[in-house]
């Protein structure tokens, strides 16, 4: 029986995983792609972003092709949600050419790949390859991740996370499991820094693993798919810091709150309010959709620390409410206080 190829996309928070998947979906070259995303927060922002750009047959709904796991880090919840989700996808194998799995910024890739050794899955699917997305700007600055506090907030806020891996070890595991490394945000550093980043990666990566620069996820689709690596059969050659660990701990100090209001906001004024809010509360990550007055399109807003980016992703649908929906991740956040700060 032909096995469905699965591509795992891993990398830290904000490195550009969702942007890469959007590009793949928009340039699918006729492939019928199912996407499984893993995100913390009650509002599935990444899933909605991907649904908004999915290309489907006329009789097929994008919602059927994108599945969200919202109960935590993939490597820690494979048995609870990933396994039954894969079973459901495999029931539709005749309508799927390949599956993309976007892990959270905290997921260890190897335990996820190990799940494909389970008899019920390995007979129908194989891990075609692991793509590791790396933030060139962060690596050049020596921080590994664009905003360490935001990543730590994501770690603390995930109640299902069972590993307390140091950032350096987590990054090493992501590189050790990679079949290809995608270097993002290369336009934000100078040539000398880029050369140093590439030299460092060449020393850290397993032999033969290539590094490809990309901006806004723009990479040739055929380069990202079709590795035929059968990664689950060769895990011993991809070492992990967690190969012999059994017990893990986690912390619940950091939480997420959501704001959903049927109100439009001027982008500049809203961002100023958010920056003010970040100054007075420990908010590490903001992500969501904004209704902008007199604009037919929905605005995507993303903030890490004090930095905010926005873009318009699609037209509002005629049958959907024009809402502003934001997810905040931070320390001891109070939903009432957040709402008052934004709406007053």
C-alpha atoms as a PDB file:
ATOM      1  CA  UNK A   1       0.000   0.000   0.000  1.00  0.00           C
ATOM      2  CA  UNK A   2       1.292   3.465  -0.884  1.00  0.00           C
ATOM      3  CA  UNK A   3       2.189   5.453   2.228  1.00  0.00           C
ATOM      4  CA  UNK A   4       1.132   9.091   2.508  1.00  0.00           C
ATOM      5  CA  UNK A   5       4.242  11.304   2.875  1.00  0.00           C
ATOM      6  CA  UNK A   6       4.267  13.538   5.961  1.00  0.00           C
ATOM      7  CA  UNK A   7       6.497  16.613   6.238  1.00  0.00           C
ATOM      8  CA  UNK A   8       7.217  17.913   9.747  1.00  0.00           C
ATOM      9  CA  UNK A   9       7.925  21.662  10.046  1.00  0.00           C
ATOM     10  CA  UNK A  10       9.687  22.625  13.265  1.00  0.00           C
ATOM     11  CA  UNK A  11      11.318  25.798  14.595  1.00  0.00           C
ATOM     12  CA  UNK A  12      11.000  28.382  17.339  1.00  0.00           C
ATOM     13  CA  UNK A  13       8.143  30.809  17.924  1.00  0.00           C
ATOM     14  CA  UNK A  14       8.198  33.559  15.292  1.00  0.00           C
ATOM     15  CA  UNK A  15      10.764  31.888  13.034  1.00  0.00           C
ATOM     16  CA  UNK A  16       8.326  31.748  10.118  1.00  0.00           C
ATOM     17  CA  UNK A  17       6.713  28.284  10.142  1.00  0.00           C
ATOM     18  CA  UNK A  18       3.166  29.462   9.415  1.00  0.00           C
ATOM     19  CA  UNK A  19       4.397  31.801   6.668  1.00  0.00           C
ATOM     20  CA  UNK A  20       6.158  28.846   5.057  1.00  0.00           C
ATOM     21  CA  UNK A  21       3.005  26.722   5.177  1.00  0.00           C
ATOM     22  CA  UNK A  22       0.945  29.540   3.665  1.00  0.00           C
ATOM     23  CA  UNK A  23       3.373  29.628   0.744  1.00  0.00           C
ATOM     24  CA  UNK A  24       3.183  25.858   0.314  1.00  0.00           C
ATOM     25  CA  UNK A  25      -0.609  25.897   0.272  1.00  0.00           C
ATOM     26  CA  UNK A  26      -0.758  28.773  -2.192  1.00  0.00           C
ATOM     27  CA  UNK A  27       1.767  27.031  -4.468  1.00  0.00           C
ATOM     28  CA  UNK A  28       0.656  23.430  -4.054  1.00  0.00           C
ATOM     29  CA  UNK A  29       1.148  22.556  -7.756  1.00  0.00           C
ATOM     30  CA  UNK A  30      -1.998  20.466  -7.754  1.00  0.00           C
ATOM     31  CA  UNK A  31      -1.193  18.523  -4.598  1.00  0.00           C
ATOM     32  CA  UNK A  32      -4.040  17.813  -2.193  1.00  0.00           C
ATOM     33  CA  UNK A  33      -2.448  18.859   1.094  1.00  0.00           C
ATOM     34  CA  UNK A  34      -3.753  18.222   4.596  1.00  0.00           C
ATOM     35  CA  UNK A  35      -2.296  20.448   7.308  1.00  0.00           C
ATOM     36  CA  UNK A  36      -2.064  19.709  11.004  1.00  0.00           C
ATOM     37  CA  UNK A  37      -1.137  22.725  13.131  1.00  0.00           C
ATOM     38  CA  UNK A  38      -0.250  22.863  16.806  1.00  0.00           C
ATOM     39  CA  UNK A  39      -0.792  26.137  18.634  1.00  0.00           C
ATOM     40  CA  UNK A  40      -1.328  27.302  22.197  1.00  0.00           C
ATOM     41  CA  UNK A  41      -4.289  29.555  22.849  1.00  0.00           C
ATOM     42  CA  UNK A  42      -8.056  29.371  22.779  1.00  0.00           C
ATOM     43  CA  UNK A  43      -8.349  31.130  19.427  1.00  0.00           C
ATOM     44  CA  UNK A  44      -6.698  29.129  16.655  1.00  0.00           C
ATOM     45  CA  UNK A  45      -5.022  31.995  14.827  1.00  0.00           C
ATOM     46  CA  UNK A  46      -2.526  29.905  12.842  1.00  0.00           C
ATOM     47  CA  UNK A  47      -5.267  27.565  11.685  1.00  0.00           C
ATOM     48  CA  UNK A  48      -7.389  30.456  10.449  1.00  0.00           C
ATOM     49  CA  UNK A  49      -4.441  32.015   8.641  1.00  0.00           C
ATOM     50  CA  UNK A  50      -3.811  28.754   6.837  1.00  0.00           C
ATOM     51  CA  UNK A  51      -7.467  28.185   6.035  1.00  0.00           C
ATOM     52  CA  UNK A  52      -7.680  31.642   4.490  1.00  0.00           C
ATOM     53  CA  UNK A  53      -5.076  30.786   1.839  1.00  0.00           C
ATOM     54  CA  UNK A  54      -5.933  27.145   1.163  1.00  0.00           C
ATOM     55  CA  UNK A  55      -6.662  26.190  -2.434  1.00  0.00           C
ATOM     56  CA  UNK A  56      -9.418  23.570  -2.628  1.00  0.00           C
ATOM     57  CA  UNK A  57     -11.469  21.721  -5.180  1.00  0.00           C
ATOM     58  CA  UNK A  58     -14.849  23.313  -5.785  1.00  0.00           C
ATOM     59  CA  UNK A  59     -16.639  20.639  -3.760  1.00  0.00           C
ATOM     60  CA  UNK A  60     -14.130  20.588  -0.921  1.00  0.00           C
ATOM     61  CA  UNK A  61     -13.955  22.838   2.127  1.00  0.00           C
ATOM     62  CA  UNK A  62     -10.630  24.147   3.494  1.00  0.00           C
ATOM     63  CA  UNK A  63     -11.829  23.203   6.975  1.00  0.00           C
ATOM     64  CA  UNK A  64     -11.578  19.538   5.958  1.00  0.00           C
ATOM     65  CA  UNK A  65      -7.899  19.890   5.141  1.00  0.00           C
ATOM     66  CA  UNK A  66      -6.627  21.698   8.214  1.00  0.00           C
ATOM     67  CA  UNK A  67      -6.703  20.184  11.686  1.00  0.00           C
ATOM     68  CA  UNK A  68      -5.644  22.070  14.798  1.00  0.00           C
ATOM     69  CA  UNK A  69      -4.205  20.499  17.915  1.00  0.00           C
ATOM     70  CA  UNK A  70      -4.747  23.045  20.670  1.00  0.00           C
ATOM     71  CA  UNK A  71      -4.059  20.970  23.742  1.00  0.00           C
ATOM     72  CA  UNK A  72      -0.336  21.509  23.913  1.00  0.00           C
ATOM     73  CA  UNK A  73       3.077  20.651  22.574  1.00  0.00           C
ATOM     74  CA  UNK A  74       2.944  17.897  19.951  1.00  0.00           C
ATOM     75  CA  UNK A  75       5.795  15.876  21.382  1.00  0.00           C
ATOM     76  CA  UNK A  76       3.987  15.678  24.718  1.00  0.00           C
ATOM     77  CA  UNK A  77       0.452  14.949  23.515  1.00  0.00           C
ATOM     78  CA  UNK A  78       0.955  12.513  20.659  1.00  0.00           C
ATOM     79  CA  UNK A  79      -1.098   9.801  22.326  1.00  0.00           C
ATOM     80  CA  UNK A  80      -3.869  12.106  23.515  1.00  0.00           C
ATOM     81  CA  UNK A  81      -4.678  13.982  20.323  1.00  0.00           C
ATOM     82  CA  UNK A  82      -2.125  13.501  17.561  1.00  0.00           C
ATOM     83  CA  UNK A  83      -2.750   9.771  17.207  1.00  0.00           C
ATOM     84  CA  UNK A  84      -6.565   9.950  16.776  1.00  0.00           C
ATOM     85  CA  UNK A  85      -6.158  12.981  14.511  1.00  0.00           C
ATOM     86  CA  UNK A  86      -3.798  11.058  12.233  1.00  0.00           C
ATOM     87  CA  UNK A  87      -6.216   8.140  12.197  1.00  0.00           C
ATOM     88  CA  UNK A  88      -8.994  10.429  10.983  1.00  0.00           C
ATOM     89  CA  UNK A  89      -6.767  11.905   8.270  1.00  0.00           C
ATOM     90  CA  UNK A  90      -5.693   8.455   7.109  1.00  0.00           C
ATOM     91  CA  UNK A  91      -9.321   7.425   6.680  1.00  0.00           C
ATOM     92  CA  UNK A  92      -9.379  10.013   3.876  1.00  0.00           C
ATOM     93  CA  UNK A  93      -6.113   8.858   2.327  1.00  0.00           C
ATOM     94  CA  UNK A  94      -7.706   8.588  -1.125  1.00  0.00           C
ATOM     95  CA  UNK A  95      -8.262  12.375  -1.077  1.00  0.00           C
ATOM     96  CA  UNK A  96      -4.856  13.386   0.341  1.00  0.00           C
ATOM     97  CA  UNK A  97      -1.511  13.536  -1.464  1.00  0.00           C
ATOM     98  CA  UNK A  98       0.590  14.656   1.493  1.00  0.00           C
ATOM     99  CA  UNK A  99       0.332  15.902   5.079  1.00  0.00           C
ATOM    100  CA  UNK A 100       2.145  18.868   6.639  1.00  0.00           C
ATOM    101  CA  UNK A 101       2.606  18.998  10.419  1.00  0.00           C
ATOM    102  CA  UNK A 102       3.485  22.378  11.962  1.00  0.00           C
ATOM    103  CA  UNK A 103       4.791  21.886  15.491  1.00  0.00           C
ATOM    104  CA  UNK A 104       4.729  24.511  18.210  1.00  0.00           C
ATOM    105  CA  UNK A 105       7.923  26.416  18.936  1.00  0.00           C
ATOM    106  CA  UNK A 106       8.561  24.081  21.865  1.00  0.00           C
ATOM    107  CA  UNK A 107       8.019  20.697  20.248  1.00  0.00           C
ATOM    108  CA  UNK A 108      10.834  18.180  20.215  1.00  0.00           C
ATOM    109  CA  UNK A 109      10.723  16.683  16.709  1.00  0.00           C
ATOM    110  CA  UNK A 110      12.026  13.206  17.519  1.00  0.00           C
ATOM    111  CA  UNK A 111       9.177  12.014  19.810  1.00  0.00           C
ATOM    112  CA  UNK A 112       6.705  13.139  17.164  1.00  0.00           C
ATOM    113  CA  UNK A 113       8.519  11.178  14.463  1.00  0.00           C
ATOM    114  CA  UNK A 114       8.609   8.142  16.754  1.00  0.00           C
ATOM    115  CA  UNK A 115       4.806   8.112  16.687  1.00  0.00           C
ATOM    116  CA  UNK A 116       5.026   7.062  13.042  1.00  0.00           C
ATOM    117  CA  UNK A 117       6.468   3.745  14.200  1.00  0.00           C
ATOM    118  CA  UNK A 118       3.115   2.762  15.671  1.00  0.00           C
ATOM    119  CA  UNK A 119       1.690  -0.076  13.534  1.00  0.00           C
ATOM    120  CA  UNK A 120      -1.626   1.702  12.956  1.00  0.00           C
ATOM    121  CA  UNK A 121       0.219   4.677  11.438  1.00  0.00           C
ATOM    122  CA  UNK A 122       3.370   3.246   9.869  1.00  0.00           C
ATOM    123  CA  UNK A 123       1.378   1.048   7.490  1.00  0.00           C
ATOM    124  CA  UNK A 124      -0.288   4.114   5.973  1.00  0.00           C
ATOM    125  CA  UNK A 125       2.071   7.094   6.451  1.00  0.00           C
ATOM    126  CA  UNK A 126       5.773   7.873   6.493  1.00  0.00           C
ATOM    127  CA  UNK A 127       7.765  10.935   7.542  1.00  0.00           C
ATOM    128  CA  UNK A 128       9.025  12.206   4.206  1.00  0.00           C
ATOM    129  CA  UNK A 129      11.284  14.787   5.845  1.00  0.00           C
ATOM    130  CA  UNK A 130      11.806  17.259   8.684  1.00  0.00           C
ATOM    131  CA  UNK A 131      12.126  20.965   7.833  1.00  0.00           C
ATOM    132  CA  UNK A 132      13.692  23.146  10.528  1.00  0.00           C
ATOM    133  CA  UNK A 133      12.976  26.881  10.233  1.00  0.00           C
ATOM    134  CA  UNK A 134      15.707  29.100  11.718  1.00  0.00           C
ATOM    135  CA  UNK A 135      15.526  32.859  12.380  1.00  0.00           C
ATOM    136  CA  UNK A 136      18.760  34.241  10.877  1.00  0.00           C
ATOM    137  CA  UNK A 137      18.422  37.595  12.646  1.00  0.00           C
ATOM    138  CA  UNK A 138      18.068  35.946  16.057  1.00  0.00           C
ATOM    139  CA  UNK A 139      20.923  33.539  15.402  1.00  0.00           C
ATOM    140  CA  UNK A 140      23.188  36.388  14.283  1.00  0.00           C
ATOM    141  CA  UNK A 141      22.386  38.168  17.551  1.00  0.00           C
ATOM    142  CA  UNK A 142      23.298  35.038  19.491  1.00  0.00           C
ATOM    143  CA  UNK A 143      19.817  34.575  20.960  1.00  0.00           C
ATOM    144  CA  UNK A 144      18.611  31.547  18.895  1.00  0.00           C
ATOM    145  CA  UNK A 145      15.061  32.899  19.115  1.00  0.00           C
ATOM    146  CA  UNK A 146      13.749  36.371  18.244  1.00  0.00           C
ATOM    147  CA  UNK A 147      12.149  36.951  21.645  1.00  0.00           C
ATOM    148  CA  UNK A 148      13.279  34.635  24.432  1.00  0.00           C
ATOM    149  CA  UNK A 149      10.644  35.920  26.853  1.00  0.00           C
ATOM    150  CA  UNK A 150       7.890  35.156  24.341  1.00  0.00           C
ATOM    151  CA  UNK A 151       9.175  31.617  23.890  1.00  0.00           C
ATOM    152  CA  UNK A 152       9.418  31.163  27.642  1.00  0.00           C
ATOM    153  CA  UNK A 153       5.863  32.454  27.971  1.00  0.00           C
ATOM    154  CA  UNK A 154       4.693  29.879  25.463  1.00  0.00           C
ATOM    155  CA  UNK A 155       6.484  27.183  27.440  1.00  0.00           C
ATOM    156  CA  UNK A 156       4.960  28.233  30.760  1.00  0.00           C
ATOM    157  CA  UNK A 157       1.469  28.705  29.369  1.00  0.00           C
ATOM    158  CA  UNK A 158       1.221  25.202  27.914  1.00  0.00           C
ATOM    159  CA  UNK A 159      -0.305  22.990  30.649  1.00  0.00           C
ATOM    160  CA  UNK A 160       0.480  19.821  28.696  1.00  0.00           C
ATOM    161  CA  UNK A 161       4.180  20.519  28.238  1.00  0.00           C
ATOM    162  CA  UNK A 162       6.132  17.813  30.031  1.00  0.00           C
ATOM    163  CA  UNK A 163       9.718  18.734  29.211  1.00  0.00           C
ATOM    164  CA  UNK A 164      11.845  21.580  30.554  1.00  0.00           C
ATOM    165  CA  UNK A 165      14.429  21.557  27.795  1.00  0.00           C
ATOM    166  CA  UNK A 166      16.938  24.431  27.812  1.00  0.00           C
ATOM    167  CA  UNK A 167      16.577  26.556  24.680  1.00  0.00           C
ATOM    168  CA  UNK A 168      20.043  25.565  23.465  1.00  0.00           C
ATOM    169  CA  UNK A 169      19.283  21.842  23.736  1.00  0.00           C
ATOM    170  CA  UNK A 170      15.902  22.256  22.065  1.00  0.00           C
ATOM    171  CA  UNK A 171      17.573  24.058  19.162  1.00  0.00           C
ATOM    172  CA  UNK A 172      20.222  21.334  18.897  1.00  0.00           C
ATOM    173  CA  UNK A 173      17.488  18.690  18.733  1.00  0.00           C
ATOM    174  CA  UNK A 174      15.680  20.607  15.981  1.00  0.00           C
ATOM    175  CA  UNK A 175      18.895  20.782  13.947  1.00  0.00           C
ATOM    176  CA  UNK A 176      19.854  17.152  14.614  1.00  0.00           C
ATOM    177  CA  UNK A 177      16.530  15.929  13.226  1.00  0.00           C
ATOM    178  CA  UNK A 178      16.509  18.166  10.134  1.00  0.00           C
ATOM    179  CA  UNK A 179      16.593  17.051   6.515  1.00  0.00           C
ATOM    180  CA  UNK A 180      16.644  20.684   5.378  1.00  0.00           C
ATOM    181  CA  UNK A 181      17.146  23.987   7.215  1.00  0.00           C
ATOM    182  CA  UNK A 182      15.264  27.066   6.026  1.00  0.00           C
ATOM    183  CA  UNK A 183      16.984  30.291   7.028  1.00  0.00           C
ATOM    184  CA  UNK A 184      14.437  33.117   7.358  1.00  0.00           C
ATOM    185  CA  UNK A 185      14.796  36.898   7.832  1.00  0.00           C
ATOM    186  CA  UNK A 186      18.097  36.933   5.960  1.00  0.00           C
ATOM    187  CA  UNK A 187      17.142  40.351   4.565  1.00  0.00           C
ATOM    188  CA  UNK A 188      17.365  41.778   8.099  1.00  0.00           C
ATOM    189  CA  UNK A 189      21.095  41.089   8.569  1.00  0.00           C
ATOM    190  CA  UNK A 190      24.174  42.146   6.610  1.00  0.00           C
ATOM    191  CA  UNK A 191      26.195  39.829   4.375  1.00  0.00           C
ATOM    192  CA  UNK A 192      29.009  39.351   6.889  1.00  0.00           C
ATOM    193  CA  UNK A 193      26.552  38.231   9.571  1.00  0.00           C
ATOM    194  CA  UNK A 194      24.826  35.892   7.129  1.00  0.00           C
ATOM    195  CA  UNK A 195      28.134  34.242   6.278  1.00  0.00           C
ATOM    196  CA  UNK A 196      28.860  33.705   9.984  1.00  0.00           C
ATOM    197  CA  UNK A 197      25.391  32.227  10.554  1.00  0.00           C
ATOM    198  CA  UNK A 198      25.819  29.805   7.668  1.00  0.00           C
ATOM    199  CA  UNK A 199      29.287  28.791   8.859  1.00  0.00           C
ATOM    200  CA  UNK A 200      27.960  28.128  12.369  1.00  0.00           C
ATOM    201  CA  UNK A 201      25.083  26.042  11.024  1.00  0.00           C
ATOM    202  CA  UNK A 202      27.402  24.001   8.818  1.00  0.00           C
ATOM    203  CA  UNK A 203      29.380  23.010  11.921  1.00  0.00           C
ATOM    204  CA  UNK A 204      26.288  22.129  13.953  1.00  0.00           C
ATOM    205  CA  UNK A 205      24.220  20.289  11.351  1.00  0.00           C
ATOM    206  CA  UNK A 206      24.531  16.594  10.492  1.00  0.00           C
ATOM    207  CA  UNK A 207      26.575  15.896   7.347  1.00  0.00           C
ATOM    208  CA  UNK A 208      24.684  16.459   4.130  1.00  0.00           C
ATOM    209  CA  UNK A 209      21.939  18.688   5.549  1.00  0.00           C
ATOM    210  CA  UNK A 210      21.567  21.776   3.365  1.00  0.00           C
ATOM    211  CA  UNK A 211      20.697  25.344   4.393  1.00  0.00           C
ATOM    212  CA  UNK A 212      18.397  27.366   2.120  1.00  0.00           C
ATOM    213  CA  UNK A 213      17.663  31.069   2.600  1.00  0.00           C
ATOM    214  CA  UNK A 214      14.079  32.213   2.167  1.00  0.00           C
ATOM    215  CA  UNK A 215      12.047  35.377   2.652  1.00  0.00           C
ATOM    216  CA  UNK A 216       8.331  35.313   3.464  1.00  0.00           C
ATOM    217  CA  UNK A 217       8.307  31.537   3.015  1.00  0.00           C
ATOM    218  CA  UNK A 218       9.111  31.839  -0.700  1.00  0.00           C
ATOM    219  CA  UNK A 219      10.858  28.560  -1.528  1.00  0.00           C
ATOM    220  CA  UNK A 220      10.433  26.233  -4.494  1.00  0.00           C
ATOM    221  CA  UNK A 221       7.788  23.692  -3.458  1.00  0.00           C
ATOM    222  CA  UNK A 222       9.623  20.719  -4.950  1.00  0.00           C
ATOM    223  CA  UNK A 223      12.603  21.545  -2.757  1.00  0.00           C
ATOM    224  CA  UNK A 224      10.511  21.152   0.405  1.00  0.00           C
ATOM    225  CA  UNK A 225       8.664  17.956  -0.454  1.00  0.00           C
ATOM    226  CA  UNK A 226       9.767  14.571  -1.754  1.00  0.00           C
ATOM    227  CA  UNK A 227      12.773  13.741   0.452  1.00  0.00           C
ATOM    228  CA  UNK A 228      11.638  10.095   0.752  1.00  0.00           C
ATOM    229  CA  UNK A 229      13.679   9.976   3.952  1.00  0.00           C
ATOM    230  CA  UNK A 230      11.453   7.543   5.933  1.00  0.00           C
ATOM    231  CA  UNK A 231      12.732   9.373   9.010  1.00  0.00           C
ATOM    232  CA  UNK A 232      10.956   7.052  11.452  1.00  0.00           C
ATOM    233  CA  UNK A 233      13.172   4.168  10.278  1.00  0.00           C
ATOM    234  CA  UNK A 234      16.445   6.010  10.896  1.00  0.00           C
ATOM    235  CA  UNK A 235      15.947   7.806  14.209  1.00  0.00           C
ATOM    236  CA  UNK A 236      19.091   6.337  15.753  1.00  0.00           C
ATOM    237  CA  UNK A 237      21.173   8.569  13.476  1.00  0.00           C
ATOM    238  CA  UNK A 238      19.342  11.664  14.786  1.00  0.00           C
ATOM    239  CA  UNK A 239      20.376  12.044  18.439  1.00  0.00           C
ATOM    240  CA  UNK A 240      18.244  13.903  20.974  1.00  0.00           C
ATOM    241  CA  UNK A 241      18.923  15.212  24.467  1.00  0.00           C
ATOM    242  CA  UNK A 242      15.736  13.403  25.531  1.00  0.00           C
ATOM    243  CA  UNK A 243      16.558   9.927  24.235  1.00  0.00           C
ATOM    244  CA  UNK A 244      16.831   8.500  27.765  1.00  0.00           C
ATOM    245  CA  UNK A 245      14.575  10.775  29.792  1.00  0.00           C
ATOM    246  CA  UNK A 246      11.349   9.656  31.425  1.00  0.00           C
ATOM    247  CA  UNK A 247      10.302  12.332  33.917  1.00  0.00           C
ATOM    248  CA  UNK A 248       9.560  15.986  33.141  1.00  0.00           C
ATOM    249  CA  UNK A 249       8.172  18.977  35.000  1.00  0.00           C
ATOM    250  CA  UNK A 250       6.280  22.092  33.994  1.00  0.00           C
ATOM    251  CA  UNK A 251       5.158  25.395  35.449  1.00  0.00           C
ATOM    252  CA  UNK A 252       1.739  27.054  35.256  1.00  0.00           C
ATOM    253  CA  UNK A 253       2.623  30.654  36.159  1.00  0.00           C
ATOM    254  CA  UNK A 254       2.004  32.074  32.688  1.00  0.00           C
ATOM    255  CA  UNK A 255      -1.398  32.118  30.999  1.00  0.00           C
ATOM    256  CA  UNK A 256      -3.218  33.293  27.897  1.00  0.00           C
ATOM    257  CA  UNK A 257      -6.357  35.409  27.561  1.00  0.00           C
ATOM    258  CA  UNK A 258      -8.406  36.296  24.527  1.00  0.00           C
ATOM    259  CA  UNK A 259     -10.262  39.393  23.438  1.00  0.00           C
ATOM    260  CA  UNK A 260     -13.211  38.960  21.055  1.00  0.00           C
ATOM    261  CA  UNK A 261     -15.234  42.095  20.316  1.00  0.00           C
ATOM    262  CA  UNK A 262     -17.456  43.233  17.474  1.00  0.00           C
ATOM    263  CA  UNK A 263     -15.609  46.513  17.187  1.00  0.00           C
ATOM    264  CA  UNK A 264     -13.393  48.069  14.523  1.00  0.00           C
ATOM    265  CA  UNK A 265     -10.027  49.674  15.329  1.00  0.00           C
ATOM    266  CA  UNK A 266      -7.720  52.037  13.502  1.00  0.00           C
ATOM    267  CA  UNK A 267      -4.432  50.078  13.239  1.00  0.00           C
ATOM    268  CA  UNK A 268      -2.091  52.834  14.447  1.00  0.00           C
ATOM    269  CA  UNK A 269      -4.253  53.707  17.445  1.00  0.00           C
ATOM    270  CA  UNK A 270      -4.706  50.044  18.380  1.00  0.00           C
ATOM    271  CA  UNK A 271      -0.986  49.304  18.196  1.00  0.00           C
ATOM    272  CA  UNK A 272      -0.274  52.323  20.408  1.00  0.00           C
ATOM    273  CA  UNK A 273      -2.723  50.955  22.987  1.00  0.00           C
ATOM    274  CA  UNK A 274      -1.102  47.537  22.789  1.00  0.00           C
ATOM    275  CA  UNK A 275       2.375  49.006  23.241  1.00  0.00           C
ATOM    276  CA  UNK A 276       1.133  50.885  26.288  1.00  0.00           C
ATOM    277  CA  UNK A 277      -0.409  47.694  27.654  1.00  0.00           C
ATOM    278  CA  UNK A 278       2.831  45.780  27.127  1.00  0.00           C
ATOM    279  CA  UNK A 279       4.676  48.436  29.140  1.00  0.00           C
ATOM    280  CA  UNK A 280       2.458  47.876  32.175  1.00  0.00           C
ATOM    281  CA  UNK A 281       1.819  44.142  32.003  1.00  0.00           C
ATOM    282  CA  UNK A 282       4.061  41.182  31.263  1.00  0.00           C
ATOM    283  CA  UNK A 283       2.706  40.378  27.817  1.00  0.00           C
ATOM    284  CA  UNK A 284       5.053  38.439  25.578  1.00  0.00           C
ATOM    285  CA  UNK A 285       2.979  37.471  22.565  1.00  0.00           C
ATOM    286  CA  UNK A 286      -0.074  38.991  20.820  1.00  0.00           C
ATOM    287  CA  UNK A 287      -1.638  37.496  17.721  1.00  0.00           C
ATOM    288  CA  UNK A 288      -4.995  37.770  16.020  1.00  0.00           C
ATOM    289  CA  UNK A 289      -7.342  39.468  13.569  1.00  0.00           C
ATOM    290  CA  UNK A 290      -8.556  43.074  13.531  1.00  0.00           C
ATOM    291  CA  UNK A 291     -11.622  44.664  11.983  1.00  0.00           C
ATOM    292  CA  UNK A 292     -10.453  47.953  10.430  1.00  0.00           C
ATOM    293  CA  UNK A 293     -13.031  50.692   9.671  1.00  0.00           C
ATOM    294  CA  UNK A 294     -13.960  51.081   6.000  1.00  0.00           C
ATOM    295  CA  UNK A 295     -11.689  48.209   4.965  1.00  0.00           C
ATOM    296  CA  UNK A 296     -13.178  45.189   3.182  1.00  0.00           C
ATOM    297  CA  UNK A 297     -10.241  43.004   4.238  1.00  0.00           C
ATOM    298  CA  UNK A 298      -9.341  41.434   7.563  1.00  0.00           C
ATOM    299  CA  UNK A 299      -6.074  42.582   9.146  1.00  0.00           C
ATOM    300  CA  UNK A 300      -3.702  40.107  10.761  1.00  0.00           C
ATOM    301  CA  UNK A 301      -1.838  41.564  13.745  1.00  0.00           C
ATOM    302  CA  UNK A 302       1.170  39.941  15.401  1.00  0.00           C
ATOM    303  CA  UNK A 303       3.245  41.256  18.272  1.00  0.00           C
ATOM    304  CA  UNK A 304       6.296  39.858  20.049  1.00  0.00           C
ATOM    305  CA  UNK A 305       7.403  41.953  22.972  1.00  0.00           C
ATOM    306  CA  UNK A 306       7.258  45.572  21.782  1.00  0.00           C
ATOM    307  CA  UNK A 307       7.419  44.787  18.048  1.00  0.00           C
ATOM    308  CA  UNK A 308       4.247  44.619  15.947  1.00  0.00           C
ATOM    309  CA  UNK A 309       3.615  43.550  12.359  1.00  0.00           C
ATOM    310  CA  UNK A 310       0.376  43.595  10.387  1.00  0.00           C
ATOM    311  CA  UNK A 311      -0.956  42.686   6.963  1.00  0.00           C
ATOM    312  CA  UNK A 312      -4.314  42.128   5.255  1.00  0.00           C
ATOM    313  CA  UNK A 313      -4.860  38.455   4.471  1.00  0.00           C
ATOM    314  CA  UNK A 314      -8.316  38.190   2.893  1.00  0.00           C
ATOM    315  CA  UNK A 315     -11.744  39.761   2.393  1.00  0.00           C
ATOM    316  CA  UNK A 316     -14.292  39.419   5.164  1.00  0.00           C
ATOM    317  CA  UNK A 317     -16.787  36.706   4.259  1.00  0.00           C
ATOM    318  CA  UNK A 318     -20.407  37.713   3.844  1.00  0.00           C
ATOM    319  CA  UNK A 319     -21.594  35.216   6.457  1.00  0.00           C
ATOM    320  CA  UNK A 320     -18.979  35.847   9.158  1.00  0.00           C
ATOM    321  CA  UNK A 321     -19.127  38.480  11.910  1.00  0.00           C
ATOM    322  CA  UNK A 322     -16.622  41.304  11.566  1.00  0.00           C
ATOM    323  CA  UNK A 323     -14.884  40.775  14.884  1.00  0.00           C
ATOM    324  CA  UNK A 324     -11.573  41.789  16.373  1.00  0.00           C
ATOM    325  CA  UNK A 325     -10.020  38.692  17.938  1.00  0.00           C
ATOM    326  CA  UNK A 326      -6.708  38.787  19.773  1.00  0.00           C
ATOM    327  CA  UNK A 327      -4.845  36.250  21.909  1.00  0.00           C
ATOM    328  CA  UNK A 328      -2.459  37.534  24.612  1.00  0.00           C
ATOM    329  CA  UNK A 329       0.185  35.312  26.235  1.00  0.00           C
ATOM    330  CA  UNK A 330       1.905  36.648  29.330  1.00  0.00           C
ATOM    331  CA  UNK A 331       2.322  36.367  33.076  1.00  0.00           C
ATOM    332  CA  UNK A 332      -0.743  36.460  35.363  1.00  0.00           C
ATOM    333  CA  UNK A 333      -2.851  38.233  32.745  1.00  0.00           C
ATOM    334  CA  UNK A 334      -6.334  39.345  33.726  1.00  0.00           C
ATOM    335  CA  UNK A 335      -8.848  39.288  30.867  1.00  0.00           C
ATOM    336  CA  UNK A 336     -10.908  42.134  32.351  1.00  0.00           C
ATOM    337  CA  UNK A 337      -7.880  44.402  32.679  1.00  0.00           C
ATOM    338  CA  UNK A 338      -6.741  43.613  29.147  1.00  0.00           C
ATOM    339  CA  UNK A 339     -10.205  44.327  27.770  1.00  0.00           C
ATOM    340  CA  UNK A 340     -10.500  47.617  29.645  1.00  0.00           C
ATOM    341  CA  UNK A 341      -7.108  48.791  28.419  1.00  0.00           C
ATOM    342  CA  UNK A 342      -8.035  48.129  24.784  1.00  0.00           C
ATOM    343  CA  UNK A 343     -11.653  49.290  24.787  1.00  0.00           C
ATOM    344  CA  UNK A 344     -11.331  52.430  26.935  1.00  0.00           C
END
